[in-house]
N, C-alpha and C. Protein backbone atom coordinates (compact mmCIF):
# COMPACT_ATOMS: atom_id res chain seq x y z
N MET A 1 -11.65 -37.53 -18.72
CA MET A 1 -11.73 -37.45 -17.27
C MET A 1 -12.14 -38.82 -16.76
N HIS A 2 -11.41 -39.34 -15.79
CA HIS A 2 -11.72 -40.64 -15.21
C HIS A 2 -12.41 -40.43 -13.88
N ILE A 3 -13.61 -41.00 -13.74
CA ILE A 3 -14.35 -40.92 -12.49
C ILE A 3 -14.46 -42.34 -11.97
N PRO A 4 -13.85 -42.61 -10.81
CA PRO A 4 -13.86 -43.98 -10.30
C PRO A 4 -15.25 -44.39 -9.83
N LYS A 5 -15.47 -45.69 -9.86
CA LYS A 5 -16.73 -46.24 -9.34
C LYS A 5 -16.70 -46.11 -7.83
N LEU A 6 -17.82 -45.69 -7.27
CA LEU A 6 -17.91 -45.57 -5.83
C LEU A 6 -18.34 -46.89 -5.20
N CYS A 7 -19.04 -47.67 -5.97
CA CYS A 7 -19.55 -48.93 -5.43
C CYS A 7 -19.79 -49.87 -6.61
N ASP A 8 -19.16 -51.04 -6.61
CA ASP A 8 -19.32 -51.98 -7.72
C ASP A 8 -20.75 -52.49 -7.83
N ALA A 9 -21.40 -52.66 -6.73
CA ALA A 9 -22.75 -53.22 -6.72
C ALA A 9 -23.82 -52.18 -7.00
N CYS A 10 -23.46 -50.88 -7.07
CA CYS A 10 -24.46 -49.82 -7.16
C CYS A 10 -24.74 -49.40 -8.59
N GLY A 11 -24.22 -50.05 -9.54
CA GLY A 11 -24.45 -49.61 -10.92
C GLY A 11 -23.54 -48.44 -11.22
N GLY A 12 -22.35 -48.72 -11.67
CA GLY A 12 -21.31 -47.73 -11.87
C GLY A 12 -21.71 -46.57 -12.76
N ARG A 13 -22.46 -46.85 -13.85
CA ARG A 13 -22.81 -45.79 -14.77
C ARG A 13 -23.72 -44.77 -14.11
N SER A 14 -24.70 -45.21 -13.38
CA SER A 14 -25.63 -44.32 -12.70
C SER A 14 -24.90 -43.47 -11.65
N GLN A 15 -24.00 -44.08 -10.94
CA GLN A 15 -23.24 -43.38 -9.90
C GLN A 15 -22.34 -42.31 -10.54
N ARG A 16 -21.70 -42.66 -11.65
CA ARG A 16 -20.84 -41.71 -12.35
C ARG A 16 -21.67 -40.54 -12.87
N HIS A 17 -22.86 -40.83 -13.36
CA HIS A 17 -23.76 -39.81 -13.89
C HIS A 17 -24.14 -38.83 -12.78
N ARG A 18 -24.46 -39.34 -11.59
CA ARG A 18 -24.80 -38.48 -10.46
C ARG A 18 -23.62 -37.64 -10.03
N LEU A 19 -22.44 -38.25 -10.01
CA LEU A 19 -21.24 -37.52 -9.62
C LEU A 19 -20.93 -36.40 -10.62
N LEU A 20 -21.08 -36.71 -11.92
CA LEU A 20 -20.87 -35.68 -12.94
C LEU A 20 -21.88 -34.54 -12.79
N SER A 21 -23.13 -34.89 -12.53
CA SER A 21 -24.17 -33.86 -12.33
C SER A 21 -23.84 -32.99 -11.13
N LEU A 22 -23.37 -33.61 -10.06
CA LEU A 22 -23.00 -32.88 -8.86
C LEU A 22 -21.84 -31.93 -9.13
N LEU A 23 -20.81 -32.41 -9.80
CA LEU A 23 -19.66 -31.57 -10.15
C LEU A 23 -20.08 -30.41 -11.06
N LEU A 24 -20.93 -30.68 -12.02
CA LEU A 24 -21.41 -29.64 -12.92
C LEU A 24 -22.22 -28.60 -12.15
N THR A 25 -23.07 -29.04 -11.23
CA THR A 25 -23.87 -28.12 -10.42
C THR A 25 -22.97 -27.24 -9.55
N ILE A 26 -21.95 -27.83 -8.92
CA ILE A 26 -21.02 -27.06 -8.10
C ILE A 26 -20.28 -26.04 -8.95
N SER A 27 -19.81 -26.46 -10.12
CA SER A 27 -19.09 -25.55 -11.02
C SER A 27 -19.96 -24.39 -11.47
N LEU A 28 -21.18 -24.69 -11.90
CA LEU A 28 -22.07 -23.63 -12.37
C LEU A 28 -22.48 -22.71 -11.23
N THR A 29 -22.70 -23.27 -10.05
CA THR A 29 -23.06 -22.45 -8.90
C THR A 29 -21.93 -21.49 -8.57
N THR A 30 -20.72 -21.98 -8.61
CA THR A 30 -19.56 -21.14 -8.32
C THR A 30 -19.44 -20.01 -9.34
N LEU A 31 -19.72 -20.30 -10.59
CA LEU A 31 -19.60 -19.29 -11.64
C LEU A 31 -20.75 -18.30 -11.65
N LEU A 32 -21.96 -18.74 -11.31
CA LEU A 32 -23.13 -17.91 -11.46
C LEU A 32 -23.54 -17.13 -10.21
N VAL A 33 -23.06 -17.53 -9.05
CA VAL A 33 -23.44 -16.82 -7.82
C VAL A 33 -22.71 -15.48 -7.81
N PRO A 34 -23.45 -14.39 -7.61
CA PRO A 34 -22.80 -13.08 -7.62
C PRO A 34 -21.81 -12.95 -6.46
N PRO A 35 -20.78 -12.11 -6.65
CA PRO A 35 -19.80 -11.94 -5.58
C PRO A 35 -20.47 -11.45 -4.31
N SER A 36 -19.89 -11.80 -3.20
CA SER A 36 -20.43 -11.42 -1.90
C SER A 36 -20.46 -9.91 -1.75
N LEU A 37 -21.50 -9.44 -1.12
CA LEU A 37 -21.59 -8.01 -0.85
C LEU A 37 -20.54 -7.57 0.16
N ALA A 38 -19.97 -8.54 0.88
CA ALA A 38 -18.96 -8.22 1.88
C ALA A 38 -17.58 -8.00 1.27
N GLN A 39 -17.45 -8.17 -0.04
CA GLN A 39 -16.15 -7.96 -0.66
C GLN A 39 -15.70 -6.52 -0.42
N THR A 40 -14.42 -6.37 -0.26
CA THR A 40 -13.88 -5.04 0.03
C THR A 40 -13.63 -4.27 -1.26
N ARG A 41 -13.64 -2.97 -1.11
CA ARG A 41 -13.30 -2.12 -2.24
C ARG A 41 -11.80 -2.21 -2.47
N PRO A 42 -11.36 -1.96 -3.70
CA PRO A 42 -9.93 -2.06 -3.98
C PRO A 42 -9.14 -0.96 -3.27
N ILE A 43 -7.85 -1.14 -3.24
CA ILE A 43 -6.96 -0.14 -2.67
C ILE A 43 -6.96 1.06 -3.60
N PRO A 44 -7.16 2.27 -3.06
CA PRO A 44 -7.21 3.45 -3.93
C PRO A 44 -5.86 3.76 -4.56
N SER A 45 -5.89 4.52 -5.62
CA SER A 45 -4.65 4.96 -6.26
C SER A 45 -3.98 5.99 -5.37
N PRO A 46 -2.65 6.07 -5.44
CA PRO A 46 -1.95 7.10 -4.67
C PRO A 46 -2.39 8.50 -5.12
N SER A 47 -2.26 9.45 -4.24
CA SER A 47 -2.60 10.83 -4.57
C SER A 47 -1.72 11.31 -5.72
N ASN A 48 -2.29 12.13 -6.57
CA ASN A 48 -1.50 12.73 -7.66
C ASN A 48 -1.27 14.22 -7.41
N ALA A 49 -1.52 14.66 -6.17
CA ALA A 49 -1.27 16.06 -5.82
C ALA A 49 0.23 16.34 -5.90
N PRO A 50 0.61 17.54 -6.29
CA PRO A 50 2.04 17.84 -6.39
C PRO A 50 2.70 17.92 -5.00
N LEU A 51 3.97 17.59 -4.96
CA LEU A 51 4.76 17.75 -3.74
C LEU A 51 4.98 19.24 -3.52
N GLU A 52 4.70 19.73 -2.32
CA GLU A 52 4.81 21.16 -2.01
C GLU A 52 6.02 21.39 -1.09
N LEU A 53 7.21 21.41 -1.67
CA LEU A 53 8.43 21.56 -0.88
C LEU A 53 8.50 22.89 -0.13
N ASP A 54 7.82 23.92 -0.63
CA ASP A 54 7.85 25.21 0.05
C ASP A 54 7.24 25.13 1.45
N LEU A 55 6.41 24.11 1.71
CA LEU A 55 5.82 23.94 3.04
C LEU A 55 6.86 23.54 4.09
N LEU A 56 8.03 23.08 3.63
CA LEU A 56 9.09 22.75 4.59
C LEU A 56 9.66 24.00 5.24
N THR A 57 9.72 25.09 4.49
CA THR A 57 10.26 26.34 5.05
C THR A 57 9.18 27.31 5.48
N LYS A 58 8.01 27.20 4.86
CA LYS A 58 6.88 28.06 5.22
C LYS A 58 5.65 27.19 5.49
N PRO A 59 5.67 26.45 6.61
CA PRO A 59 4.53 25.54 6.86
C PRO A 59 3.24 26.29 7.15
N LYS A 60 2.16 25.69 6.75
CA LYS A 60 0.83 26.23 7.04
C LYS A 60 0.29 25.47 8.25
N ASP A 61 -0.74 26.02 8.88
CA ASP A 61 -1.27 25.42 10.10
C ASP A 61 -1.74 23.99 9.93
N TYR A 62 -2.17 23.62 8.75
CA TYR A 62 -2.77 22.31 8.58
C TYR A 62 -1.75 21.21 8.28
N VAL A 63 -0.49 21.52 8.04
CA VAL A 63 0.50 20.49 7.74
C VAL A 63 1.45 20.29 8.91
N ILE A 64 2.06 19.13 8.93
CA ILE A 64 3.05 18.79 9.94
C ILE A 64 4.31 18.38 9.20
N THR A 65 5.45 18.87 9.64
CA THR A 65 6.73 18.49 9.04
C THR A 65 7.62 17.91 10.14
N ALA A 66 8.82 17.48 9.75
CA ALA A 66 9.77 16.98 10.74
C ALA A 66 10.17 18.08 11.71
N ASN A 67 9.96 19.33 11.34
CA ASN A 67 10.32 20.46 12.21
C ASN A 67 9.17 20.95 13.08
N THR A 68 8.00 20.32 12.95
CA THR A 68 6.84 20.72 13.73
C THR A 68 6.86 20.00 15.08
N ILE A 69 6.77 20.76 16.14
CA ILE A 69 6.74 20.17 17.47
C ILE A 69 5.57 20.77 18.22
N ASN A 70 4.77 19.90 18.81
CA ASN A 70 3.65 20.35 19.63
C ASN A 70 4.03 20.09 21.08
N PRO A 71 4.26 21.14 21.88
CA PRO A 71 4.71 20.93 23.26
C PRO A 71 3.64 20.33 24.17
N GLU A 72 2.38 20.34 23.76
CA GLU A 72 1.29 19.87 24.62
C GLU A 72 0.96 18.39 24.44
N ARG A 73 1.14 17.84 23.24
CA ARG A 73 0.76 16.45 22.99
C ARG A 73 1.57 15.91 21.82
N LEU A 74 1.45 14.61 21.61
CA LEU A 74 2.11 13.95 20.50
C LEU A 74 1.57 14.50 19.18
N THR A 75 2.46 14.84 18.30
CA THR A 75 2.06 15.32 16.98
C THR A 75 1.83 14.10 16.09
N VAL A 76 0.71 14.08 15.40
CA VAL A 76 0.34 12.94 14.55
C VAL A 76 0.44 13.37 13.10
N PRO A 77 1.04 12.57 12.23
CA PRO A 77 1.69 11.30 12.51
C PRO A 77 3.08 11.53 13.10
N SER A 78 3.50 10.65 13.95
CA SER A 78 4.79 10.78 14.62
C SER A 78 5.81 9.89 13.92
N LEU A 79 6.62 10.48 13.08
CA LEU A 79 7.65 9.73 12.36
C LEU A 79 9.04 10.04 12.91
N TRP A 80 9.11 10.85 13.96
CA TRP A 80 10.41 11.22 14.51
C TRP A 80 11.15 10.01 15.03
N TRP A 81 10.45 9.11 15.69
CA TRP A 81 11.10 7.93 16.23
C TRP A 81 11.72 7.11 15.09
N ALA A 82 10.99 6.91 14.02
CA ALA A 82 11.51 6.16 12.87
C ALA A 82 12.72 6.87 12.28
N GLN A 83 12.65 8.19 12.21
CA GLN A 83 13.77 8.95 11.65
C GLN A 83 14.99 8.86 12.57
N GLN A 84 14.81 9.04 13.84
CA GLN A 84 15.92 9.00 14.78
C GLN A 84 16.45 7.59 14.99
N ASN A 85 15.56 6.62 14.90
CA ASN A 85 15.93 5.24 15.18
C ASN A 85 16.82 4.64 14.09
N SER A 86 16.48 4.87 12.83
CA SER A 86 17.26 4.19 11.79
C SER A 86 17.35 4.93 10.47
N GLU A 87 16.58 5.95 10.29
CA GLU A 87 16.50 6.57 8.97
C GLU A 87 17.13 7.95 8.91
N THR A 88 18.03 8.28 9.81
CA THR A 88 18.53 9.66 9.88
C THR A 88 19.24 10.10 8.60
N LYS A 89 19.88 9.19 7.91
CA LYS A 89 20.59 9.59 6.70
C LYS A 89 19.70 9.52 5.46
N LEU A 90 18.74 8.60 5.47
CA LEU A 90 17.88 8.43 4.30
C LEU A 90 16.67 9.36 4.34
N LEU A 91 15.95 9.37 5.44
CA LEU A 91 14.76 10.21 5.56
C LEU A 91 15.18 11.61 5.98
N ASP A 92 15.00 12.56 5.08
CA ASP A 92 15.40 13.94 5.33
C ASP A 92 14.30 14.74 6.02
N ASN A 93 13.07 14.62 5.53
CA ASN A 93 11.98 15.42 6.04
C ASN A 93 10.67 14.80 5.60
N TRP A 94 9.58 15.34 6.06
CA TRP A 94 8.26 14.89 5.61
C TRP A 94 7.27 16.02 5.76
N ILE A 95 6.20 15.89 4.99
CA ILE A 95 5.07 16.82 5.06
C ILE A 95 3.82 15.96 5.20
N ALA A 96 3.11 16.15 6.30
CA ALA A 96 1.89 15.38 6.54
C ALA A 96 0.68 16.27 6.31
N TYR A 97 -0.22 15.80 5.48
CA TYR A 97 -1.45 16.52 5.15
C TYR A 97 -2.62 15.79 5.80
N PRO A 98 -3.44 16.49 6.54
CA PRO A 98 -4.62 15.83 7.12
C PRO A 98 -5.64 15.50 6.04
N THR A 99 -6.63 14.72 6.39
CA THR A 99 -7.71 14.39 5.46
C THR A 99 -8.40 15.67 5.01
N SER A 100 -8.69 15.76 3.73
CA SER A 100 -9.43 16.91 3.20
C SER A 100 -10.68 16.40 2.50
N GLU A 101 -11.46 17.31 1.98
CA GLU A 101 -12.66 16.92 1.25
C GLU A 101 -12.31 16.12 0.00
N LYS A 102 -11.14 16.42 -0.57
CA LYS A 102 -10.75 15.80 -1.83
C LYS A 102 -9.89 14.55 -1.66
N GLU A 103 -9.12 14.48 -0.56
CA GLU A 103 -8.15 13.39 -0.43
C GLU A 103 -8.04 12.87 0.99
N PRO A 104 -7.66 11.58 1.11
CA PRO A 104 -7.39 11.04 2.44
C PRO A 104 -6.07 11.61 2.97
N ALA A 105 -5.82 11.41 4.26
CA ALA A 105 -4.59 11.89 4.88
C ALA A 105 -3.38 11.22 4.22
N ARG A 106 -2.32 11.99 4.06
CA ARG A 106 -1.11 11.42 3.46
C ARG A 106 0.13 12.10 4.04
N VAL A 107 1.24 11.39 3.94
CA VAL A 107 2.54 11.92 4.32
C VAL A 107 3.44 11.82 3.10
N ASP A 108 4.05 12.93 2.74
CA ASP A 108 5.04 12.93 1.68
C ASP A 108 6.41 12.90 2.34
N LEU A 109 7.14 11.79 2.13
CA LEU A 109 8.48 11.65 2.68
C LEU A 109 9.48 12.17 1.66
N ILE A 110 10.46 12.93 2.13
CA ILE A 110 11.51 13.41 1.24
C ILE A 110 12.80 12.74 1.67
N VAL A 111 13.40 11.99 0.74
CA VAL A 111 14.59 11.21 1.05
C VAL A 111 15.82 11.82 0.40
N ASN A 112 16.97 11.46 0.94
CA ASN A 112 18.26 11.83 0.39
C ASN A 112 18.48 10.96 -0.85
N GLN A 113 18.52 11.57 -2.02
CA GLN A 113 18.62 10.83 -3.28
C GLN A 113 19.90 10.00 -3.36
N GLN A 114 20.99 10.52 -2.82
CA GLN A 114 22.25 9.76 -2.88
C GLN A 114 22.15 8.46 -2.11
N ILE A 115 21.56 8.51 -0.93
CA ILE A 115 21.40 7.29 -0.13
C ILE A 115 20.38 6.37 -0.79
N TRP A 116 19.26 6.93 -1.26
CA TRP A 116 18.22 6.12 -1.92
C TRP A 116 18.80 5.35 -3.10
N SER A 117 19.64 6.00 -3.88
CA SER A 117 20.19 5.35 -5.07
C SER A 117 21.14 4.20 -4.72
N LEU A 118 21.66 4.19 -3.50
CA LEU A 118 22.54 3.10 -3.08
C LEU A 118 21.77 1.86 -2.63
N LEU A 119 20.49 2.03 -2.35
CA LEU A 119 19.67 0.91 -1.87
C LEU A 119 19.23 0.02 -3.02
N ASP A 120 19.18 -1.28 -2.76
CA ASP A 120 18.60 -2.17 -3.76
C ASP A 120 17.09 -2.19 -3.58
N SER A 121 16.38 -2.90 -4.43
CA SER A 121 14.92 -2.86 -4.41
C SER A 121 14.35 -3.43 -3.10
N ILE A 122 15.00 -4.41 -2.52
CA ILE A 122 14.52 -4.97 -1.25
C ILE A 122 14.70 -3.96 -0.12
N GLN A 123 15.80 -3.25 -0.08
CA GLN A 123 16.02 -2.24 0.95
C GLN A 123 15.04 -1.07 0.80
N ARG A 124 14.74 -0.70 -0.42
CA ARG A 124 13.76 0.36 -0.66
C ARG A 124 12.38 -0.09 -0.20
N TYR A 125 12.02 -1.32 -0.55
CA TYR A 125 10.74 -1.88 -0.13
C TYR A 125 10.65 -1.89 1.39
N ASP A 126 11.72 -2.32 2.05
CA ASP A 126 11.74 -2.38 3.50
C ASP A 126 11.54 -0.99 4.11
N PHE A 127 12.22 0.00 3.58
CA PHE A 127 12.07 1.38 4.06
C PHE A 127 10.63 1.85 3.92
N VAL A 128 10.07 1.68 2.72
CA VAL A 128 8.70 2.13 2.46
C VAL A 128 7.72 1.37 3.34
N ASN A 129 7.94 0.08 3.52
CA ASN A 129 7.04 -0.72 4.35
C ASN A 129 7.10 -0.28 5.82
N ARG A 130 8.29 -0.05 6.35
CA ARG A 130 8.41 0.36 7.76
C ARG A 130 7.78 1.72 8.00
N LEU A 131 8.11 2.70 7.15
CA LEU A 131 7.55 4.05 7.33
C LEU A 131 6.06 4.06 6.98
N GLY A 132 5.68 3.30 5.97
CA GLY A 132 4.26 3.20 5.61
C GLY A 132 3.45 2.59 6.73
N SER A 133 3.98 1.57 7.37
CA SER A 133 3.28 0.93 8.49
C SER A 133 3.13 1.90 9.65
N ALA A 134 4.18 2.68 9.92
CA ALA A 134 4.09 3.67 11.00
C ALA A 134 3.02 4.72 10.68
N ALA A 135 3.00 5.20 9.44
CA ALA A 135 2.00 6.20 9.04
C ALA A 135 0.60 5.60 9.00
N ARG A 136 0.50 4.35 8.57
CA ARG A 136 -0.81 3.66 8.51
C ARG A 136 -1.45 3.61 9.89
N ASN A 137 -0.64 3.43 10.92
CA ASN A 137 -1.17 3.37 12.29
C ASN A 137 -1.86 4.66 12.69
N PHE A 138 -1.56 5.76 12.01
CA PHE A 138 -2.20 7.05 12.27
C PHE A 138 -3.23 7.39 11.20
N GLY A 139 -3.46 6.46 10.24
CA GLY A 139 -4.46 6.67 9.19
C GLY A 139 -3.95 7.46 8.00
N TYR A 140 -2.64 7.41 7.74
CA TYR A 140 -2.05 8.16 6.64
C TYR A 140 -1.51 7.23 5.57
N ASN A 141 -1.65 7.62 4.30
CA ASN A 141 -0.96 7.00 3.18
C ASN A 141 0.40 7.68 3.05
N VAL A 142 1.30 7.07 2.29
CA VAL A 142 2.66 7.62 2.16
C VAL A 142 3.06 7.70 0.70
N ARG A 143 3.74 8.80 0.37
CA ARG A 143 4.41 8.92 -0.92
C ARG A 143 5.86 9.28 -0.62
N VAL A 144 6.79 8.76 -1.42
CA VAL A 144 8.22 9.02 -1.22
C VAL A 144 8.73 9.79 -2.43
N PHE A 145 9.45 10.89 -2.13
CA PHE A 145 10.01 11.75 -3.17
C PHE A 145 11.47 12.06 -2.85
N ASN A 146 12.18 12.56 -3.87
CA ASN A 146 13.47 13.19 -3.62
C ASN A 146 13.27 14.70 -3.74
N TYR A 147 14.33 15.47 -3.52
CA TYR A 147 14.19 16.93 -3.57
C TYR A 147 13.96 17.47 -4.99
N GLN A 148 14.11 16.64 -5.99
CA GLN A 148 13.80 17.03 -7.36
C GLN A 148 12.32 16.79 -7.66
N LYS A 149 11.55 16.43 -6.64
CA LYS A 149 10.12 16.18 -6.72
C LYS A 149 9.77 14.95 -7.56
N GLU A 150 10.72 14.05 -7.72
CA GLU A 150 10.46 12.82 -8.47
C GLU A 150 9.80 11.80 -7.54
N PRO A 151 8.67 11.23 -7.95
CA PRO A 151 8.04 10.19 -7.11
C PRO A 151 8.87 8.91 -7.15
N LEU A 152 9.16 8.37 -5.97
CA LEU A 152 10.00 7.19 -5.87
C LEU A 152 9.23 5.95 -5.41
N ALA A 153 8.21 6.15 -4.57
CA ALA A 153 7.45 5.01 -4.05
C ALA A 153 6.16 5.50 -3.40
N THR A 154 5.23 4.58 -3.21
CA THR A 154 3.98 4.89 -2.49
C THR A 154 3.61 3.72 -1.59
N TYR A 155 2.90 4.04 -0.54
CA TYR A 155 2.30 3.05 0.37
C TYR A 155 0.88 3.53 0.57
N THR A 156 -0.06 2.88 -0.08
CA THR A 156 -1.44 3.35 -0.10
C THR A 156 -2.36 2.28 0.50
N CYS A 157 -3.31 2.72 1.32
CA CYS A 157 -4.19 1.79 2.03
C CYS A 157 -5.66 2.08 1.78
N ASN A 158 -6.44 1.02 1.89
CA ASN A 158 -7.89 1.12 1.95
C ASN A 158 -8.23 1.02 3.44
N PHE A 159 -8.50 2.17 4.08
CA PHE A 159 -8.74 2.20 5.51
C PHE A 159 -10.17 1.80 5.88
N SER A 160 -11.01 1.53 4.89
CA SER A 160 -12.39 1.14 5.21
C SER A 160 -12.48 -0.35 5.54
N THR A 161 -11.37 -1.07 5.45
CA THR A 161 -11.35 -2.47 5.82
C THR A 161 -10.62 -2.63 7.15
N SER A 162 -10.85 -3.73 7.82
CA SER A 162 -10.14 -3.99 9.06
C SER A 162 -9.61 -5.41 9.01
N PRO A 163 -8.30 -5.58 8.99
CA PRO A 163 -7.28 -4.55 8.97
C PRO A 163 -7.21 -3.86 7.61
N ALA A 164 -6.57 -2.70 7.58
CA ALA A 164 -6.45 -1.95 6.33
C ALA A 164 -5.69 -2.77 5.29
N LEU A 165 -6.16 -2.73 4.05
CA LEU A 165 -5.46 -3.37 2.95
C LEU A 165 -4.55 -2.33 2.32
N CYS A 166 -3.27 -2.68 2.15
CA CYS A 166 -2.30 -1.70 1.66
C CYS A 166 -1.52 -2.26 0.49
N SER A 167 -0.98 -1.33 -0.30
CA SER A 167 -0.19 -1.68 -1.48
C SER A 167 1.05 -0.80 -1.52
N ILE A 168 2.18 -1.39 -1.87
CA ILE A 168 3.42 -0.64 -2.04
C ILE A 168 3.78 -0.66 -3.51
N GLN A 169 4.11 0.52 -4.02
CA GLN A 169 4.61 0.63 -5.38
C GLN A 169 5.91 1.41 -5.34
N THR A 170 6.91 0.95 -6.07
CA THR A 170 8.17 1.69 -6.17
C THR A 170 8.55 1.82 -7.62
N THR A 171 9.28 2.87 -7.93
CA THR A 171 9.83 3.00 -9.27
C THR A 171 11.29 2.59 -9.18
N PHE A 172 11.77 2.05 -10.25
CA PHE A 172 13.14 1.56 -10.28
C PHE A 172 13.77 2.01 -11.59
N LYS A 173 14.91 2.68 -11.49
CA LYS A 173 15.63 3.08 -12.70
C LYS A 173 16.69 2.03 -12.99
N ASN A 174 16.67 1.54 -14.22
CA ASN A 174 17.70 0.57 -14.57
C ASN A 174 19.00 1.30 -14.93
N LYS A 175 20.02 0.56 -15.33
CA LYS A 175 21.34 1.15 -15.55
C LYS A 175 21.36 2.18 -16.67
N ILE A 176 20.43 2.11 -17.62
CA ILE A 176 20.43 3.10 -18.69
C ILE A 176 19.47 4.25 -18.40
N GLY A 177 18.90 4.27 -17.19
CA GLY A 177 18.09 5.40 -16.75
C GLY A 177 16.62 5.30 -17.04
N LEU A 178 16.15 4.16 -17.58
CA LEU A 178 14.72 4.01 -17.83
C LEU A 178 14.03 3.64 -16.54
N GLU A 179 12.88 4.26 -16.30
CA GLU A 179 12.13 4.05 -15.07
C GLU A 179 11.02 3.04 -15.30
N ARG A 180 10.80 2.20 -14.29
CA ARG A 180 9.67 1.28 -14.37
C ARG A 180 9.06 1.13 -12.98
N LEU A 181 7.79 0.76 -12.96
CA LEU A 181 7.06 0.58 -11.72
C LEU A 181 7.17 -0.86 -11.26
N LEU A 182 7.48 -1.07 -9.99
CA LEU A 182 7.55 -2.43 -9.43
C LEU A 182 6.38 -2.67 -8.53
């Protein structure tokens, strides 16, 4: 390591020694100081609850689907605009679960598998990001499934931070049918 002289008249060796001590002190301080208490908690794992497709035909009071309409006020989360605006062929339906004692609020999106399979990874990411962002605005995480109940993607957030920290995960099947997480 070459440390230049700061001053020719100041005794180069002494100056280099002080500079090395300073660098060593900064390095050790950086390594030994405990992480800030203000650090955020990590983004939670997506829910592992099973997809309940029967709720699409026999909804319970606590869930909201694409077929749920509240004549008095906006139904939350409101994904109808996203569905009508651009996702009518890809987004088939959804089931929104409110926060429970065991899990945070989430929306399970059910997509048309034929359309999903035509999308490349960037288009899938874009879809999940747009719908995930819409759901995030209402405090919901998102999981994406097909009608075979296969998990296709997730959009999961840590809502205890401001702004919320979120993560997108998608599965991708290669040409020989092996699945991997992206």
